[in-house]
Amino acid sequence: MPENQIETPSVEAKKAPVAAMWIVMILAWVCFLLPFPFTGIFIGAPLTLAAFILAIVCLAKNRVAHGVIGLFGTLIVSTVLFFAGGAVFYGKALQEEMQKQQQLQKQQQQNATPMKHPAPIKPGQARAAHTVGWDKT
């Protein structure tokens, strides 16, 4: 190759990772909405970070529209979905706790025996009950 010839990058090198950015971002959004503990933090957040980096790569490769939409998706939409997923998880946990409480109350009502009212105490019995073990003089 002659020294004065400038090497132009191939078409493959110019391609921005648009599809990869969207796939990673959608996977992160799904992880945020799953009602399982810590999927949003331990899986969704790293995927969102990867999508953010891929959006910056799209901007660097002159795919500005995809890059800006990707940045918006990772910063705004992911945050909203993270908190929405937390609310879904909290709601599910709260619902399960309320069902447990209702079952416990039903069980207590079934096991409870009705209280019998004590027989009225006659005046002589009351004195005897209070003086148990004492001299009755």
C-alpha atoms as a PDB file:
ATOM      1  CA  MET A   1       0.000   0.000   0.000  1.00  0.00           C
ATOM      2  CA  PRO A   2       1.410   3.388  -0.927  1.00  0.00           C
ATOM      3  CA  GLU A   3       2.090   5.784   1.931  1.00  0.00           C
ATOM      4  CA  ASN A   4       0.057   8.671   0.517  1.00  0.00           C
ATOM      5  CA  GLN A   5      -3.163   6.658   0.230  1.00  0.00           C
ATOM      6  CA  ILE A   6      -5.609   7.282   3.052  1.00  0.00           C
ATOM      7  CA  GLU A   7      -7.426   4.247   4.362  1.00  0.00           C
ATOM      8  CA  THR A   8     -11.173   4.782   4.565  1.00  0.00           C
ATOM      9  CA  PRO A   9     -13.109   2.877   7.153  1.00  0.00           C
ATOM     10  CA  SER A  10     -15.311   0.119   5.856  1.00  0.00           C
ATOM     11  CA  VAL A  11     -19.079   0.278   5.944  1.00  0.00           C
ATOM     12  CA  GLU A  12     -19.150  -2.325   8.722  1.00  0.00           C
ATOM     13  CA  ALA A  13     -16.948  -0.160  10.941  1.00  0.00           C
ATOM     14  CA  LYS A  14     -19.300   2.807  10.539  1.00  0.00           C
ATOM     15  CA  LYS A  15     -22.375   0.907  11.700  1.00  0.00           C
ATOM     16  CA  ALA A  16     -23.614   2.014  15.048  1.00  0.00           C
ATOM     17  CA  PRO A  17     -24.874  -0.580  17.545  1.00  0.00           C
ATOM     18  CA  VAL A  18     -28.473   0.648  17.329  1.00  0.00           C
ATOM     19  CA  ALA A  19     -30.105  -2.785  17.507  1.00  0.00           C
ATOM     20  CA  ALA A  20     -27.909  -3.841  20.418  1.00  0.00           C
ATOM     21  CA  MET A  21     -28.793  -0.637  22.294  1.00  0.00           C
ATOM     22  CA  TRP A  22     -32.517  -1.255  21.907  1.00  0.00           C
ATOM     23  CA  ILE A  23     -32.291  -4.928  22.838  1.00  0.00           C
ATOM     24  CA  VAL A  24     -30.289  -4.169  25.982  1.00  0.00           C
ATOM     25  CA  MET A  25     -32.605  -1.293  26.925  1.00  0.00           C
ATOM     26  CA  ILE A  26     -35.761  -3.394  26.504  1.00  0.00           C
ATOM     27  CA  LEU A  27     -34.221  -6.197  28.584  1.00  0.00           C
ATOM     28  CA  ALA A  28     -33.443  -3.652  31.310  1.00  0.00           C
ATOM     29  CA  TRP A  29     -37.025  -2.363  31.221  1.00  0.00           C
ATOM     30  CA  VAL A  30     -38.379  -5.900  31.544  1.00  0.00           C
ATOM     31  CA  CYS A  31     -36.079  -6.482  34.535  1.00  0.00           C
ATOM     32  CA  PHE A  32     -37.388  -3.300  36.161  1.00  0.00           C
ATOM     33  CA  LEU A  33     -40.973  -4.511  35.873  1.00  0.00           C
ATOM     34  CA  LEU A  34     -40.442  -8.067  37.104  1.00  0.00           C
ATOM     35  CA  PRO A  35     -41.968  -8.551  40.560  1.00  0.00           C
ATOM     36  CA  PHE A  36     -38.942 -10.371  41.949  1.00  0.00           C
ATOM     37  CA  PRO A  37     -36.608  -8.906  44.554  1.00  0.00           C
ATOM     38  CA  PHE A  38     -33.509  -7.063  43.330  1.00  0.00           C
ATOM     39  CA  THR A  39     -33.902  -7.797  39.591  1.00  0.00           C
ATOM     40  CA  GLY A  40     -34.110  -4.064  38.931  1.00  0.00           C
ATOM     41  CA  ILE A  41     -30.957  -3.241  40.864  1.00  0.00           C
ATOM     42  CA  PHE A  42     -28.702  -6.180  40.061  1.00  0.00           C
ATOM     43  CA  ILE A  43     -29.767  -6.906  36.466  1.00  0.00           C
ATOM     44  CA  GLY A  44     -31.725  -3.897  35.178  1.00  0.00           C
ATOM     45  CA  ALA A  45     -29.313  -1.176  36.319  1.00  0.00           C
ATOM     46  CA  PRO A  46     -26.200  -2.702  34.684  1.00  0.00           C
ATOM     47  CA  LEU A  47     -28.187  -3.286  31.491  1.00  0.00           C
ATOM     48  CA  THR A  48     -29.289   0.348  31.573  1.00  0.00           C
ATOM     49  CA  LEU A  49     -25.674   1.434  31.973  1.00  0.00           C
ATOM     50  CA  ALA A  50     -24.717  -0.713  28.964  1.00  0.00           C
ATOM     51  CA  ALA A  51     -27.552   0.817  26.923  1.00  0.00           C
ATOM     52  CA  PHE A  52     -26.384   4.290  27.971  1.00  0.00           C
ATOM     53  CA  ILE A  53     -22.857   3.531  26.729  1.00  0.00           C
ATOM     54  CA  LEU A  54     -24.249   2.122  23.480  1.00  0.00           C
ATOM     55  CA  ALA A  55     -26.299   5.299  23.020  1.00  0.00           C
ATOM     56  CA  ILE A  56     -23.121   7.356  23.359  1.00  0.00           C
ATOM     57  CA  VAL A  57     -21.449   5.102  20.787  1.00  0.00           C
ATOM     58  CA  CYS A  58     -24.400   5.748  18.451  1.00  0.00           C
ATOM     59  CA  LEU A  59     -23.858   9.491  18.906  1.00  0.00           C
ATOM     60  CA  ALA A  60     -20.152   9.098  18.168  1.00  0.00           C
ATOM     61  CA  LYS A  61     -20.926   7.211  14.955  1.00  0.00           C
ATOM     62  CA  ASN A  62     -23.247   9.990  13.674  1.00  0.00           C
ATOM     63  CA  ARG A  63     -26.485   8.177  14.470  1.00  0.00           C
ATOM     64  CA  VAL A  64     -27.667  11.208  16.400  1.00  0.00           C
ATOM     65  CA  ALA A  65     -31.405  10.480  16.429  1.00  0.00           C
ATOM     66  CA  HIS A  66     -30.921   6.962  17.775  1.00  0.00           C
ATOM     67  CA  GLY A  67     -28.323   8.181  20.256  1.00  0.00           C
ATOM     68  CA  VAL A  68     -30.498  10.970  21.646  1.00  0.00           C
ATOM     69  CA  ILE A  69     -33.558   8.725  21.895  1.00  0.00           C
ATOM     70  CA  GLY A  70     -31.386   6.074  23.567  1.00  0.00           C
ATOM     71  CA  LEU A  71     -30.085   8.591  26.086  1.00  0.00           C
ATOM     72  CA  PHE A  72     -33.624   9.763  26.793  1.00  0.00           C
ATOM     73  CA  GLY A  73     -34.729   6.147  27.230  1.00  0.00           C
ATOM     74  CA  THR A  74     -31.931   5.269  29.601  1.00  0.00           C
ATOM     75  CA  LEU A  75     -32.186   8.409  31.714  1.00  0.00           C
ATOM     76  CA  ILE A  76     -35.916   9.158  31.832  1.00  0.00           C
ATOM     77  CA  VAL A  77     -37.897   6.045  30.852  1.00  0.00           C
ATOM     78  CA  SER A  78     -35.676   3.657  32.800  1.00  0.00           C
ATOM     79  CA  THR A  79     -36.016   5.770  35.940  1.00  0.00           C
ATOM     80  CA  VAL A  80     -39.795   5.855  35.652  1.00  0.00           C
ATOM     81  CA  LEU A  81     -39.973   2.110  35.030  1.00  0.00           C
ATOM     82  CA  PHE A  82     -37.618   1.423  37.937  1.00  0.00           C
ATOM     83  CA  PHE A  83     -39.948   3.167  40.375  1.00  0.00           C
ATOM     84  CA  ALA A  84     -43.046   1.699  38.728  1.00  0.00           C
ATOM     85  CA  GLY A  85     -41.540  -1.772  39.086  1.00  0.00           C
ATOM     86  CA  GLY A  86     -40.786  -1.065  42.728  1.00  0.00           C
ATOM     87  CA  ALA A  87     -44.406  -0.059  43.243  1.00  0.00           C
ATOM     88  CA  VAL A  88     -45.583  -3.271  41.551  1.00  0.00           C
ATOM     89  CA  PHE A  89     -43.311  -5.362  43.763  1.00  0.00           C
ATOM     90  CA  TYR A  90     -44.362  -3.471  46.899  1.00  0.00           C
ATOM     91  CA  GLY A  91     -48.030  -3.846  45.950  1.00  0.00           C
ATOM     92  CA  LYS A  92     -47.626  -7.575  45.439  1.00  0.00           C
ATOM     93  CA  ALA A  93     -45.840  -7.979  48.777  1.00  0.00           C
ATOM     94  CA  LEU A  94     -48.495  -5.882  50.525  1.00  0.00           C
ATOM     95  CA  GLN A  95     -51.283  -7.929  48.960  1.00  0.00           C
ATOM     96  CA  GLU A  96     -49.684 -11.196  50.110  1.00  0.00           C
ATOM     97  CA  GLU A  97     -49.278  -9.827  53.633  1.00  0.00           C
ATOM     98  CA  MET A  98     -52.920  -8.744  53.746  1.00  0.00           C
ATOM     99  CA  GLN A  99     -54.034 -12.209  52.602  1.00  0.00           C
ATOM    100  CA  LYS A 100     -51.955 -13.807  55.363  1.00  0.00           C
ATOM    101  CA  GLN A 101     -53.532 -11.482  57.930  1.00  0.00           C
ATOM    102  CA  GLN A 102     -57.046 -12.305  56.686  1.00  0.00           C
ATOM    103  CA  GLN A 103     -56.331 -16.040  56.847  1.00  0.00           C
ATOM    104  CA  LEU A 104     -54.964 -15.652  60.363  1.00  0.00           C
ATOM    105  CA  GLN A 105     -58.065 -13.730  61.460  1.00  0.00           C
ATOM    106  CA  LYS A 106     -60.373 -16.390  59.969  1.00  0.00           C
ATOM    107  CA  GLN A 107     -58.400 -19.109  61.691  1.00  0.00           C
ATOM    108  CA  GLN A 108     -58.592 -17.276  65.021  1.00  0.00           C
ATOM    109  CA  GLN A 109     -62.337 -16.798  64.631  1.00  0.00           C
ATOM    110  CA  GLN A 110     -62.839 -20.509  63.905  1.00  0.00           C
ATOM    111  CA  ASN A 111     -60.702 -21.585  66.849  1.00  0.00           C
ATOM    112  CA  ALA A 112     -62.173 -19.108  69.317  1.00  0.00           C
ATOM    113  CA  THR A 113     -64.790 -20.451  71.729  1.00  0.00           C
ATOM    114  CA  PRO A 114     -67.535 -18.103  72.812  1.00  0.00           C
ATOM    115  CA  MET A 115     -66.945 -16.701  76.289  1.00  0.00           C
ATOM    116  CA  LYS A 116     -69.357 -17.797  78.942  1.00  0.00           C
ATOM    117  CA  HIS A 117     -70.516 -15.153  81.309  1.00  0.00           C
ATOM    118  CA  PRO A 118     -69.688 -16.097  84.889  1.00  0.00           C
ATOM    119  CA  ALA A 119     -72.546 -16.870  87.186  1.00  0.00           C
ATOM    120  CA  PRO A 120     -73.521 -13.970  89.401  1.00  0.00           C
ATOM    121  CA  ILE A 121     -71.781 -14.043  92.761  1.00  0.00           C
ATOM    122  CA  LYS A 122     -73.966 -14.062  95.794  1.00  0.00           C
ATOM    123  CA  PRO A 123     -72.945 -11.842  98.681  1.00  0.00           C
ATOM    124  CA  GLY A 124     -71.902 -14.752 100.874  1.00  0.00           C
ATOM    125  CA  GLN A 125     -69.855 -16.355  98.128  1.00  0.00           C
ATOM    126  CA  ALA A 126     -68.015 -13.156  97.435  1.00  0.00           C
ATOM    127  CA  ARG A 127     -66.874 -12.893 101.038  1.00  0.00           C
ATOM    128  CA  ALA A 128     -65.803 -16.512 101.070  1.00  0.00           C
ATOM    129  CA  ALA A 129     -63.924 -16.096  97.803  1.00  0.00           C
ATOM    130  CA  HIS A 130     -61.987 -13.153  99.186  1.00  0.00           C
ATOM    131  CA  THR A 131     -61.151 -14.849 102.466  1.00  0.00           C
ATOM    132  CA  VAL A 132     -59.779 -18.106 101.131  1.00  0.00           C
ATOM    133  CA  GLY A 133     -57.108 -19.310 103.470  1.00  0.00           C
ATOM    134  CA  TRP A 134     -57.983 -16.791 106.174  1.00  0.00           C
ATOM    135  CA  ASP A 135     -59.605 -17.388 109.443  1.00  0.00           C
ATOM    136  CA  LYS A 136     -63.382 -16.852 109.141  1.00  0.00           C
ATOM    137  CA  THR A 137     -63.907 -15.444 112.636  1.00  0.00           C
END
